[in-house]
Structure formats: C-alpha cells, structure tokens
C-alpha cells in the first residue's frame, strides 16, 4: 500500500534566493502542482558559516513542503498523500531558480 509520495530536489548554482522570492516560489509551486496551502509559509533565516540561509516550511492539506537554501543551493522536499507530477515539479524548480544543475530522488512510501 502506498501512503504518499516524496520528491527530493537538490539544486546547485541557483539564482533568485531571497525571502520574498521564496515566499512567491512556494505559493506558485503549490498552484503549479495542484496542492492546497494551509496558512502562510514559514520562512526563517539562520545558521552559521556555509550553512547560513533560509529555511521554509509550508503545510499543504495533504502533508508539507520543506526547503533549505544557502546563497546558491536549494534542498527541497515535497511529501504528499496526493499524487503529483514529479517532472513538472522538477522543471518548475529548475526554472524558478534559473539553474540546470539538479539531483532528484522520488520515493513511494
């Protein structure tokens, strides 16, 4: 039995990583893949040295989207009980952050 789907996306050489851009990213990503957001995304800037950056969390009605961002890297996890198009999701992220460098993993849980 499958309980959910998880897409792990790691991006390199990203552009467009600002607090405002990340807020817009999560809102538009949810629209693009048909996920209904629950409340506003949480976006926090913290950390130290190389790992200083933004972390975001967005509840969706079928689970959550989490991301961690340094100056030029993005690490995004999308978990949902509802199926979604992994290729469309990856393309959206590549386009948003203006990069072609990614590693992805898709799990059925």
PDB file of N, CA and C in Angstrom:
ATOM      1  N   UNK A   1       0.846  -1.182   0.000  1.00  0.00           N
ATOM      2  CA  UNK A   1       0.000   0.000   0.000  1.00  0.00           C
ATOM      3  C   UNK A   1       0.890   1.244   0.000  1.00  0.00           C
ATOM      4  N   UNK A   2       0.549   2.221  -0.810  1.00  0.00           N
ATOM      5  CA  UNK A   2       1.293   3.483  -0.875  1.00  0.00           C
ATOM      6  C   UNK A   2       0.557   4.531  -0.043  1.00  0.00           C
ATOM      7  N   UNK A   3       1.296   5.167   0.879  1.00  0.00           N
ATOM      8  CA  UNK A   3       0.721   6.201   1.735  1.00  0.00           C
ATOM      9  C   UNK A   3       1.042   7.605   1.252  1.00  0.00           C
ATOM     10  N   UNK A   4       2.074   7.719   0.436  1.00  0.00           N
ATOM     11  CA  UNK A   4       2.429   9.053  -0.031  1.00  0.00           C
ATOM     12  C   UNK A   4       3.595   9.015  -0.992  1.00  0.00           C
ATOM     13  N   UNK A   5       3.906  10.193  -1.479  1.00  0.00           N
ATOM     14  CA  UNK A   5       4.950  10.372  -2.488  1.00  0.00           C
ATOM     15  C   UNK A   5       5.878  11.469  -1.998  1.00  0.00           C
ATOM     16  N   UNK A   6       7.177  11.219  -2.128  1.00  0.00           N
ATOM     17  CA  UNK A   6       8.149  12.222  -1.700  1.00  0.00           C
ATOM     18  C   UNK A   6       9.126  12.492  -2.837  1.00  0.00           C
ATOM     19  N   UNK A   7       9.296  13.768  -3.131  1.00  0.00           N
ATOM     20  CA  UNK A   7      10.262  14.202  -4.136  1.00  0.00           C
ATOM     21  C   UNK A   7      11.327  15.019  -3.427  1.00  0.00           C
ATOM     22  N   UNK A   8      12.573  14.608  -3.618  1.00  0.00           N
ATOM     23  CA  UNK A   8      13.721  15.298  -3.037  1.00  0.00           C
ATOM     24  C   UNK A   8      14.467  15.949  -4.189  1.00  0.00           C
ATOM     25  N   UNK A   9      14.645  17.257  -4.115  1.00  0.00           N
ATOM     26  CA  UNK A   9      15.298  18.012  -5.180  1.00  0.00           C
ATOM     27  C   UNK A   9      16.468  18.787  -4.583  1.00  0.00           C
ATOM     28  N   UNK A  10      17.652  18.564  -5.098  1.00  0.00           N
ATOM     29  CA  UNK A  10      18.847  19.319  -4.708  1.00  0.00           C
ATOM     30  C   UNK A  10      19.302  20.111  -5.928  1.00  0.00           C
ATOM     31  N   UNK A  11      19.402  21.425  -5.772  1.00  0.00           N
ATOM     32  CA  UNK A  11      19.786  22.308  -6.878  1.00  0.00           C
ATOM     33  C   UNK A  11      21.087  23.022  -6.553  1.00  0.00           C
ATOM     34  N   UNK A  12      21.899  23.236  -7.577  1.00  0.00           N
ATOM     35  CA  UNK A  12      23.156  23.978  -7.442  1.00  0.00           C
ATOM     36  C   UNK A  12      23.123  25.196  -8.355  1.00  0.00           C
ATOM     37  N   UNK A  13      23.991  26.164  -8.049  1.00  0.00           N
ATOM     38  CA  UNK A  13      24.148  27.373  -8.864  1.00  0.00           C
ATOM     39  C   UNK A  13      22.819  28.108  -9.076  1.00  0.00           C
ATOM     40  N   UNK A  14      22.062  28.228  -7.998  1.00  0.00           N
ATOM     41  CA  UNK A  14      20.752  28.887  -8.044  1.00  0.00           C
ATOM     42  C   UNK A  14      20.891  30.407  -8.059  1.00  0.00           C
ATOM     43  N   UNK A  15      19.910  31.020  -8.647  1.00  0.00           N
ATOM     44  CA  UNK A  15      19.732  32.467  -8.568  1.00  0.00           C
ATOM     45  C   UNK A  15      18.356  32.677  -7.935  1.00  0.00           C
ATOM     46  N   UNK A  16      18.040  33.893  -7.562  1.00  0.00           N
ATOM     47  CA  UNK A  16      16.679  34.196  -7.122  1.00  0.00           C
ATOM     48  C   UNK A  16      16.373  33.704  -5.713  1.00  0.00           C
ATOM     49  N   UNK A  17      17.385  33.636  -4.830  1.00  0.00           N
ATOM     50  CA  UNK A  17      17.127  33.199  -3.457  1.00  0.00           C
ATOM     51  C   UNK A  17      17.094  34.421  -2.543  1.00  0.00           C
ATOM     52  N   UNK A  18      15.887  34.915  -2.305  1.00  0.00           N
ATOM     53  CA  UNK A  18      15.629  35.993  -1.354  1.00  0.00           C
ATOM     54  C   UNK A  18      14.367  35.615  -0.574  1.00  0.00           C
ATOM     55  N   UNK A  19      14.135  36.246   0.538  1.00  0.00           N
ATOM     56  CA  UNK A  19      12.954  35.930   1.333  1.00  0.00           C
ATOM     57  C   UNK A  19      11.673  36.121   0.515  1.00  0.00           C
ATOM     58  N   UNK A  20      11.578  37.234  -0.191  1.00  0.00           N
ATOM     59  CA  UNK A  20      10.388  37.498  -0.998  1.00  0.00           C
ATOM     60  C   UNK A  20      10.219  36.502  -2.129  1.00  0.00           C
ATOM     61  N   UNK A  21      11.320  36.170  -2.773  1.00  0.00           N
ATOM     62  CA  UNK A  21      11.269  35.205  -3.868  1.00  0.00           C
ATOM     63  C   UNK A  21      10.866  33.819  -3.371  1.00  0.00           C
ATOM     64  N   UNK A  22      11.344  33.444  -2.183  1.00  0.00           N
ATOM     65  CA  UNK A  22      10.999  32.134  -1.638  1.00  0.00           C
ATOM     66  C   UNK A  22       9.517  32.059  -1.272  1.00  0.00           C
ATOM     67  N   UNK A  23       8.978  33.151  -0.764  1.00  0.00           N
ATOM     68  CA  UNK A  23       7.539  33.183  -0.463  1.00  0.00           C
ATOM     69  C   UNK A  23       6.741  32.997  -1.751  1.00  0.00           C
ATOM     70  N   UNK A  24       7.116  33.736  -2.788  1.00  0.00           N
ATOM     71  CA  UNK A  24       6.431  33.596  -4.075  1.00  0.00           C
ATOM     72  C   UNK A  24       6.643  32.206  -4.675  1.00  0.00           C
ATOM     73  N   UNK A  25       7.843  31.665  -4.519  1.00  0.00           N
ATOM     74  CA  UNK A  25       8.147  30.328  -5.023  1.00  0.00           C
ATOM     75  C   UNK A  25       7.187  29.300  -4.452  1.00  0.00           C
ATOM     76  N   UNK A  26       7.019  29.289  -3.141  1.00  0.00           N
ATOM     77  CA  UNK A  26       6.192  28.257  -2.518  1.00  0.00           C
ATOM     78  C   UNK A  26       4.730  28.411  -2.914  1.00  0.00           C
ATOM     79  N   UNK A  27       4.262  29.647  -3.019  1.00  0.00           N
ATOM     80  CA  UNK A  27       2.875  29.891  -3.428  1.00  0.00           C
ATOM     81  C   UNK A  27       2.661  29.411  -4.864  1.00  0.00           C
ATOM     82  N   UNK A  28       3.555  29.780  -5.755  1.00  0.00           N
ATOM     83  CA  UNK A  28       3.414  29.398  -7.170  1.00  0.00           C
ATOM     84  C   UNK A  28       3.651  27.908  -7.384  1.00  0.00           C
ATOM     85  N   UNK A  29       4.581  27.313  -6.634  1.00  0.00           N
ATOM     86  CA  UNK A  29       4.812  25.872  -6.734  1.00  0.00           C
ATOM     87  C   UNK A  29       3.537  25.111  -6.375  1.00  0.00           C
ATOM     88  N   UNK A  30       2.901  25.494  -5.281  1.00  0.00           N
ATOM     89  CA  UNK A  30       1.669  24.825  -4.863  1.00  0.00           C
ATOM     90  C   UNK A  30       0.591  24.944  -5.933  1.00  0.00           C
ATOM     91  N   UNK A  31       0.451  26.114  -6.528  1.00  0.00           N
ATOM     92  CA  UNK A  31      -0.517  26.288  -7.619  1.00  0.00           C
ATOM     93  C   UNK A  31      -0.165  25.379  -8.795  1.00  0.00           C
ATOM     94  N   UNK A  32       1.108  25.355  -9.140  1.00  0.00           N
ATOM     95  CA  UNK A  32       1.572  24.605 -10.309  1.00  0.00           C
ATOM     96  C   UNK A  32       1.317  23.103 -10.187  1.00  0.00           C
ATOM     97  N   UNK A  33       1.491  22.551  -8.989  1.00  0.00           N
ATOM     98  CA  UNK A  33       1.339  21.100  -8.833  1.00  0.00           C
ATOM     99  C   UNK A  33       0.022  20.703  -8.174  1.00  0.00           C
ATOM    100  N   UNK A  34      -0.870  21.666  -8.018  1.00  0.00           N
ATOM    101  CA  UNK A  34      -2.216  21.359  -7.531  1.00  0.00           C
ATOM    102  C   UNK A  34      -2.301  21.036  -6.049  1.00  0.00           C
ATOM    103  N   UNK A  35      -1.464  21.692  -5.256  1.00  0.00           N
ATOM    104  CA  UNK A  35      -1.503  21.479  -3.808  1.00  0.00           C
ATOM    105  C   UNK A  35      -2.172  22.671  -3.131  1.00  0.00           C
ATOM    106  N   UNK A  36      -3.006  22.388  -2.153  1.00  0.00           N
ATOM    107  CA  UNK A  36      -3.709  23.443  -1.429  1.00  0.00           C
ATOM    108  C   UNK A  36      -2.915  23.797  -0.175  1.00  0.00           C
ATOM    109  N   UNK A  37      -2.488  25.059  -0.097  1.00  0.00           N
ATOM    110  CA  UNK A  37      -1.716  25.521   1.054  1.00  0.00           C
ATOM    111  C   UNK A  37      -2.614  25.680   2.280  1.00  0.00           C
ATOM    112  N   UNK A  38      -2.054  25.433   3.439  1.00  0.00           N
ATOM    113  CA  UNK A  38      -2.722  25.687   4.709  1.00  0.00           C
ATOM    114  C   UNK A  38      -1.912  26.754   5.425  1.00  0.00           C
ATOM    115  N   UNK A  39      -2.465  27.930   5.548  1.00  0.00           N
ATOM    116  CA  UNK A  39      -1.814  29.094   6.151  1.00  0.00           C
ATOM    117  C   UNK A  39      -0.638  29.576   5.311  1.00  0.00           C
ATOM    118  N   UNK A  40       0.029  30.585   5.828  1.00  0.00           N
ATOM    119  CA  UNK A  40       1.167  31.187   5.130  1.00  0.00           C
ATOM    120  C   UNK A  40       2.429  30.349   5.332  1.00  0.00           C
ATOM    121  N   UNK A  41       3.350  30.414   4.396  1.00  0.00           N
ATOM    122  CA  UNK A  41       4.614  29.686   4.587  1.00  0.00           C
ATOM    123  C   UNK A  41       5.435  30.330   5.705  1.00  0.00           C
ATOM    124  N   UNK A  42       6.177  29.504   6.397  1.00  0.00           N
ATOM    125  CA  UNK A  42       7.117  29.997   7.399  1.00  0.00           C
ATOM    126  C   UNK A  42       8.485  30.089   6.727  1.00  0.00           C
ATOM    127  N   UNK A  43       9.115  31.247   6.842  1.00  0.00           N
ATOM    128  CA  UNK A  43      10.424  31.465   6.232  1.00  0.00           C
ATOM    129  C   UNK A  43      11.340  32.074   7.292  1.00  0.00           C
ATOM    130  N   UNK A  44      12.453  31.400   7.569  1.00  0.00           N
ATOM    131  CA  UNK A  44      13.369  31.831   8.613  1.00  0.00           C
ATOM    132  C   UNK A  44      14.790  31.844   8.063  1.00  0.00           C
ATOM    133  N   UNK A  45      15.555  32.888   8.413  1.00  0.00           N
ATOM    134  CA  UNK A  45      16.966  32.986   8.024  1.00  0.00           C
ATOM    135  C   UNK A  45      17.816  32.711   9.257  1.00  0.00           C
ATOM    136  N   UNK A  46      18.668  31.698   9.195  1.00  0.00           N
ATOM    137  CA  UNK A  46      19.520  31.377  10.345  1.00  0.00           C
ATOM    138  C   UNK A  46      20.639  30.438   9.910  1.00  0.00           C
ATOM    139  N   UNK A  47      21.453  30.011  10.861  1.00  0.00           N
ATOM    140  CA  UNK A  47      22.549  29.090  10.604  1.00  0.00           C
ATOM    141  C   UNK A  47      23.891  29.763  10.832  1.00  0.00           C
ATOM    142  N   UNK A  48      24.947  29.093  10.382  1.00  0.00           N
ATOM    143  CA  UNK A  48      26.287  29.655  10.528  1.00  0.00           C
ATOM    144  C   UNK A  48      27.158  29.220   9.358  1.00  0.00           C
ATOM    145  N   UNK A  49      28.142  30.059   9.086  1.00  0.00           N
ATOM    146  CA  UNK A  49      29.138  29.785   8.052  1.00  0.00           C
ATOM    147  C   UNK A  49      28.488  29.395   6.715  1.00  0.00           C
ATOM    148  N   UNK A  50      28.969  28.326   6.128  1.00  0.00           N
ATOM    149  CA  UNK A  50      28.486  27.878   4.818  1.00  0.00           C
ATOM    150  C   UNK A  50      27.001  27.506   4.846  1.00  0.00           C
ATOM    151  N   UNK A  51      26.484  27.144   6.008  1.00  0.00           N
ATOM    152  CA  UNK A  51      25.128  26.654   6.112  1.00  0.00           C
ATOM    153  C   UNK A  51      24.122  27.738   6.502  1.00  0.00           C
ATOM    154  N   UNK A  52      24.540  28.983   6.473  1.00  0.00           N
ATOM    155  CA  UNK A  52      23.642  30.085   6.782  1.00  0.00           C
ATOM    156  C   UNK A  52      22.717  30.294   5.584  1.00  0.00           C
ATOM    157  N   UNK A  53      21.440  30.434   5.865  1.00  0.00           N
ATOM    158  CA  UNK A  53      20.497  30.645   4.777  1.00  0.00           C
ATOM    159  C   UNK A  53      19.067  30.585   5.261  1.00  0.00           C
ATOM    160  N   UNK A  54      18.163  30.423   4.317  1.00  0.00           N
ATOM    161  CA  UNK A  54      16.734  30.384   4.604  1.00  0.00           C
ATOM    162  C   UNK A  54      16.246  28.954   4.721  1.00  0.00           C
ATOM    163  N   UNK A  55      15.305  28.747   5.615  1.00  0.00           N
ATOM    164  CA  UNK A  55      14.545  27.502   5.668  1.00  0.00           C
ATOM    165  C   UNK A  55      13.082  27.881   5.532  1.00  0.00           C
ATOM    166  N   UNK A  56      12.349  27.096   4.754  1.00  0.00           N
ATOM    167  CA  UNK A  56      10.922  27.360   4.583  1.00  0.00           C
ATOM    168  C   UNK A  56      10.128  26.106   4.927  1.00  0.00           C
ATOM    169  N   UNK A  57       8.919  26.337   5.386  1.00  0.00           N
ATOM    170  CA  UNK A  57       8.004  25.244   5.672  1.00  0.00           C
ATOM    171  C   UNK A  57       6.616  25.678   5.240  1.00  0.00           C
ATOM    172  N   UNK A  58       5.965  24.815   4.464  1.00  0.00           N
ATOM    173  CA  UNK A  58       4.599  25.090   4.033  1.00  0.00           C
ATOM    174  C   UNK A  58       3.747  23.858   4.284  1.00  0.00           C
ATOM    175  N   UNK A  59       2.764  23.992   5.185  1.00  0.00           N
ATOM    176  CA  UNK A  59       1.771  22.933   5.303  1.00  0.00           C
ATOM    177  C   UNK A  59       0.950  22.922   4.028  1.00  0.00           C
ATOM    178  N   UNK A  60       0.643  21.734   3.537  1.00  0.00           N
ATOM    179  CA  UNK A  60      -0.352  21.586   2.475  1.00  0.00           C
ATOM    180  C   UNK A  60      -1.392  20.614   3.018  1.00  0.00           C
ATOM    181  N   UNK A  61      -2.587  20.629   2.468  1.00  0.00           N
ATOM    182  CA  UNK A  61      -3.652  19.812   3.053  1.00  0.00           C
ATOM    183  C   UNK A  61      -3.333  18.321   3.006  1.00  0.00           C
ATOM    184  N   UNK A  62      -2.388  17.928   2.159  1.00  0.00           N
ATOM    185  CA  UNK A  62      -2.020  16.516   2.072  1.00  0.00           C
ATOM    186  C   UNK A  62      -0.662  16.212   2.692  1.00  0.00           C
ATOM    187  N   UNK A  63       0.022  17.174   3.287  1.00  0.00           N
ATOM    188  CA  UNK A  63       1.252  16.990   4.049  1.00  0.00           C
ATOM    189  C   UNK A  63       2.061  18.281   4.108  1.00  0.00           C
ATOM    190  N   UNK A  64       3.286  18.322   3.494  1.00  0.00           N
ATOM    191  CA  UNK A  64       4.111  19.521   3.639  1.00  0.00           C
ATOM    192  C   UNK A  64       5.181  19.635   2.556  1.00  0.00           C
ATOM    193  N   UNK A  65       5.682  20.862   2.445  1.00  0.00           N
ATOM    194  CA  UNK A  65       6.827  21.162   1.586  1.00  0.00           C
ATOM    195  C   UNK A  65       7.850  21.868   2.461  1.00  0.00           C
ATOM    196  N   UNK A  66       9.090  21.375   2.422  1.00  0.00           N
ATOM    197  CA  UNK A  66      10.168  21.920   3.232  1.00  0.00           C
ATOM    198  C   UNK A  66      11.335  22.255   2.314  1.00  0.00           C
ATOM    199  N   UNK A  67      12.007  23.368   2.587  1.00  0.00           N
ATOM    200  CA  UNK A  67      13.174  23.715   1.790  1.00  0.00           C
ATOM    201  C   UNK A  67      14.230  24.404   2.626  1.00  0.00           C
ATOM    202  N   UNK A  68      15.467  24.181   2.250  1.00  0.00           N
ATOM    203  CA  UNK A  68      16.606  24.830   2.894  1.00  0.00           C
ATOM    204  C   UNK A  68      17.458  25.429   1.781  1.00  0.00           C
ATOM    205  N   UNK A  69      17.888  26.680   1.960  1.00  0.00           N
ATOM    206  CA  UNK A  69      18.539  27.422   0.887  1.00  0.00           C
ATOM    207  C   UNK A  69      19.766  28.153   1.408  1.00  0.00           C
ATOM    208  N   UNK A  70      20.898  27.948   0.732  1.00  0.00           N
ATOM    209  CA  UNK A  70      22.088  28.739   1.003  1.00  0.00           C
ATOM    210  C   UNK A  70      22.132  29.821  -0.074  1.00  0.00           C
ATOM    211  N   UNK A  71      23.259  30.489  -0.255  1.00  0.00           N
ATOM    212  CA  UNK A  71      23.331  31.549  -1.266  1.00  0.00           C
ATOM    213  C   UNK A  71      23.063  31.034  -2.674  1.00  0.00           C
ATOM    214  N   UNK A  72      23.509  29.820  -2.987  1.00  0.00           N
ATOM    215  CA  UNK A  72      23.373  29.313  -4.356  1.00  0.00           C
ATOM    216  C   UNK A  72      22.886  27.873  -4.424  1.00  0.00           C
ATOM    217  N   UNK A  73      22.411  27.326  -3.304  1.00  0.00           N
ATOM    218  CA  UNK A  73      21.950  25.945  -3.277  1.00  0.00           C
ATOM    219  C   UNK A  73      20.535  25.883  -2.712  1.00  0.00           C
ATOM    220  N   UNK A  74      19.783  24.896  -3.209  1.00  0.00           N
ATOM    221  CA  UNK A  74      18.425  24.669  -2.724  1.00  0.00           C
ATOM    222  C   UNK A  74      18.239  23.176  -2.466  1.00  0.00           C
ATOM    223  N   UNK A  75      17.642  22.863  -1.329  1.00  0.00           N
ATOM    224  CA  UNK A  75      17.361  21.484  -0.948  1.00  0.00           C
ATOM    225  C   UNK A  75      15.872  21.428  -0.593  1.00  0.00           C
ATOM    226  N   UNK A  76      15.078  20.812  -1.452  1.00  0.00           N
ATOM    227  CA  UNK A  76      13.623  20.874  -1.348  1.00  0.00           C
ATOM    228  C   UNK A  76      13.060  19.466  -1.188  1.00  0.00           C
ATOM    229  N   UNK A  77      12.132  19.301  -0.241  1.00  0.00           N
ATOM    230  CA  UNK A  77      11.426  18.038  -0.039  1.00  0.00           C
ATOM    231  C   UNK A  77       9.926  18.295  -0.129  1.00  0.00           C
ATOM    232  N   UNK A  78       9.267  17.540  -0.973  1.00  0.00           N
ATOM    233  CA  UNK A  78       7.819  17.631  -1.094  1.00  0.00           C
ATOM    234  C   UNK A  78       7.258  16.259  -0.747  1.00  0.00           C
ATOM    235  N   UNK A  79       6.417  16.214   0.277  1.00  0.00           N
ATOM    236  CA  UNK A  79       5.774  14.958   0.646  1.00  0.00           C
ATOM    237  C   UNK A  79       4.273  15.177   0.620  1.00  0.00           C
ATOM    238  N   UNK A  80       3.570  14.254  -0.053  1.00  0.00           N
ATOM    239  CA  UNK A  80       2.128  14.391  -0.170  1.00  0.00           C
ATOM    240  C   UNK A  80       1.468  13.028  -0.286  1.00  0.00           C
ATOM    241  N   UNK A  81       0.310  12.891   0.338  1.00  0.00           N
ATOM    242  CA  UNK A  81      -0.503  11.688   0.152  1.00  0.00           C
ATOM    243  C   UNK A  81      -1.138  11.717  -1.237  1.00  0.00           C
ATOM    244  N   UNK A  82      -1.293  12.922  -1.777  1.00  0.00           N
ATOM    245  CA  UNK A  82      -1.870  13.106  -3.115  1.00  0.00           C
ATOM    246  C   UNK A  82      -0.746  12.997  -4.148  1.00  0.00           C
ATOM    247  N   UNK A  83      -0.998  12.243  -5.204  1.00  0.00           N
ATOM    248  CA  UNK A  83      -0.011  12.104  -6.267  1.00  0.00           C
ATOM    249  C   UNK A  83       0.200  13.439  -6.973  1.00  0.00           C
ATOM    250  N   UNK A  84       1.422  13.677  -7.441  1.00  0.00           N
ATOM    251  CA  UNK A  84       1.727  14.903  -8.191  1.00  0.00           C
ATOM    252  C   UNK A  84       2.740  14.566  -9.265  1.00  0.00           C
ATOM    253  N   UNK A  85       2.833  15.436 -10.252  1.00  0.00           N
ATOM    254  CA  UNK A  85       3.718  15.218 -11.399  1.00  0.00           C
ATOM    255  C   UNK A  85       5.143  15.595 -11.032  1.00  0.00           C
ATOM    256  N   UNK A  86       5.997  14.601 -10.841  1.00  0.00           N
ATOM    257  CA  UNK A  86       7.371  14.868 -10.399  1.00  0.00           C
ATOM    258  C   UNK A  86       8.163  15.631 -11.454  1.00  0.00           C
ATOM    259  N   UNK A  87       7.974  15.322 -12.724  1.00  0.00           N
ATOM    260  CA  UNK A  87       8.730  16.006 -13.777  1.00  0.00           C
ATOM    261  C   UNK A  87       8.338  17.481 -13.892  1.00  0.00           C
ATOM    262  N   UNK A  88       7.049  17.752 -13.780  1.00  0.00           N
ATOM    263  CA  UNK A  88       6.580  19.140 -13.807  1.00  0.00           C
ATOM    264  C   UNK A  88       7.128  19.912 -12.604  1.00  0.00           C
ATOM    265  N   UNK A  89       7.182  19.253 -11.461  1.00  0.00           N
ATOM    266  CA  UNK A  89       7.689  19.869 -10.240  1.00  0.00           C
ATOM    267  C   UNK A  89       9.178  20.196 -10.363  1.00  0.00           C
ATOM    268  N   UNK A  90       9.952  19.254 -10.873  1.00  0.00           N
ATOM    269  CA  UNK A  90      11.386  19.477 -11.059  1.00  0.00           C
ATOM    270  C   UNK A  90      11.620  20.623 -12.032  1.00  0.00           C
ATOM    271  N   UNK A  91      10.902  20.626 -13.139  1.00  0.00           N
ATOM    272  CA  UNK A  91      11.055  21.700 -14.137  1.00  0.00           C
ATOM    273  C   UNK A  91      10.715  23.051 -13.532  1.00  0.00           C
ATOM    274  N   UNK A  92       9.637  23.110 -12.758  1.00  0.00           N
ATOM    275  CA  UNK A  92       9.250  24.363 -12.111  1.00  0.00           C
ATOM    276  C   UNK A  92      10.395  24.883 -11.242  1.00  0.00           C
ATOM    277  N   UNK A  93      10.990  24.007 -10.443  1.00  0.00           N
ATOM    278  CA  UNK A  93      12.081  24.413  -9.547  1.00  0.00           C
ATOM    279  C   UNK A  93      13.311  24.851 -10.335  1.00  0.00           C
ATOM    280  N   UNK A  94      13.677  24.111 -11.363  1.00  0.00           N
ATOM    281  CA  UNK A  94      14.823  24.485 -12.200  1.00  0.00           C
ATOM    282  C   UNK A  94      14.607  25.862 -12.818  1.00  0.00           C
ATOM    283  N   UNK A  95      13.420  26.086 -13.350  1.00  0.00           N
ATOM    284  CA  UNK A  95      13.106  27.368 -13.987  1.00  0.00           C
ATOM    285  C   UNK A  95      13.096  28.503 -12.963  1.00  0.00           C
ATOM    286  N   UNK A  96      12.479  28.272 -11.817  1.00  0.00           N
ATOM    287  CA  UNK A  96      12.358  29.325 -10.801  1.00  0.00           C
ATOM    288  C   UNK A  96      13.731  29.806 -10.328  1.00  0.00           C
ATOM    289  N   UNK A  97      14.611  28.847 -10.081  1.00  0.00           N
ATOM    290  CA  UNK A  97      15.928  29.190  -9.557  1.00  0.00           C
ATOM    291  C   UNK A  97      16.990  29.336 -10.646  1.00  0.00           C
ATOM    292  N   UNK A  98      16.544  29.330 -11.899  1.00  0.00           N
ATOM    293  CA  UNK A  98      17.411  29.599 -13.055  1.00  0.00           C
ATOM    294  C   UNK A  98      18.690  28.756 -13.041  1.00  0.00           C
ATOM    295  N   UNK A  99      18.502  27.448 -12.924  1.00  0.00           N
ATOM    296  CA  UNK A  99      19.644  26.541 -12.931  1.00  0.00           C
ATOM    297  C   UNK A  99      19.308  25.290 -13.727  1.00  0.00           C
ATOM    298  N   UNK A 100      20.325  24.575 -14.118  1.00  0.00           N
ATOM    299  CA  UNK A 100      20.140  23.298 -14.808  1.00  0.00           C
ATOM    300  C   UNK A 100      20.794  22.166 -14.031  1.00  0.00           C
ATOM    301  N   UNK A 101      21.398  22.508 -12.895  1.00  0.00           N
ATOM    302  CA  UNK A 101      22.113  21.514 -12.102  1.00  0.00           C
ATOM    303  C   UNK A 101      21.241  21.002 -10.965  1.00  0.00           C
ATOM    304  N   UNK A 102      20.833  19.739 -11.090  1.00  0.00           N
ATOM    305  CA  UNK A 102      19.993  19.174 -10.034  1.00  0.00           C
ATOM    306  C   UNK A 102      20.249  17.680  -9.853  1.00  0.00           C
ATOM    307  N   UNK A 103      19.951  17.217  -8.651  1.00  0.00           N
ATOM    308  CA  UNK A 103      19.898  15.795  -8.324  1.00  0.00           C
ATOM    309  C   UNK A 103      18.521  15.582  -7.719  1.00  0.00           C
ATOM    310  N   UNK A 104      17.854  14.520  -8.129  1.00  0.00           N
ATOM    311  CA  UNK A 104      16.486  14.292  -7.685  1.00  0.00           C
ATOM    312  C   UNK A 104      16.290  12.837  -7.289  1.00  0.00           C
ATOM    313  N   UNK A 105      15.399  12.653  -6.337  1.00  0.00           N
ATOM    314  CA  UNK A 105      15.033  11.296  -5.927  1.00  0.00           C
ATOM    315  C   UNK A 105      13.531  11.288  -5.646  1.00  0.00           C
ATOM    316  N   UNK A 106      12.839  10.269  -6.142  1.00  0.00           N
ATOM    317  CA  UNK A 106      11.397  10.168  -5.947  1.00  0.00           C
ATOM    318  C   UNK A 106      11.101   8.854  -5.219  1.00  0.00           C
ATOM    319  N   UNK A 107      10.332   8.951  -4.148  1.00  0.00           N
ATOM    320  CA  UNK A 107      10.005   7.793  -3.334  1.00  0.00           C
ATOM    321  C   UNK A 107       8.498   7.590  -3.236  1.00  0.00           C
ATOM    322  N   UNK A 108       8.099   6.336  -3.255  1.00  0.00           N
ATOM    323  CA  UNK A 108       6.726   5.972  -2.903  1.00  0.00           C
ATOM    324  C   UNK A 108       6.826   5.382  -1.508  1.00  0.00           C
ATOM    325  N   UNK A 109       6.042   5.911  -0.577  1.00  0.00           N
ATOM    326  CA  UNK A 109       6.191   5.485   0.817  1.00  0.00           C
ATOM    327  C   UNK A 109       4.939   4.759   1.302  1.00  0.00           C
TER     328      UNK A 109
END
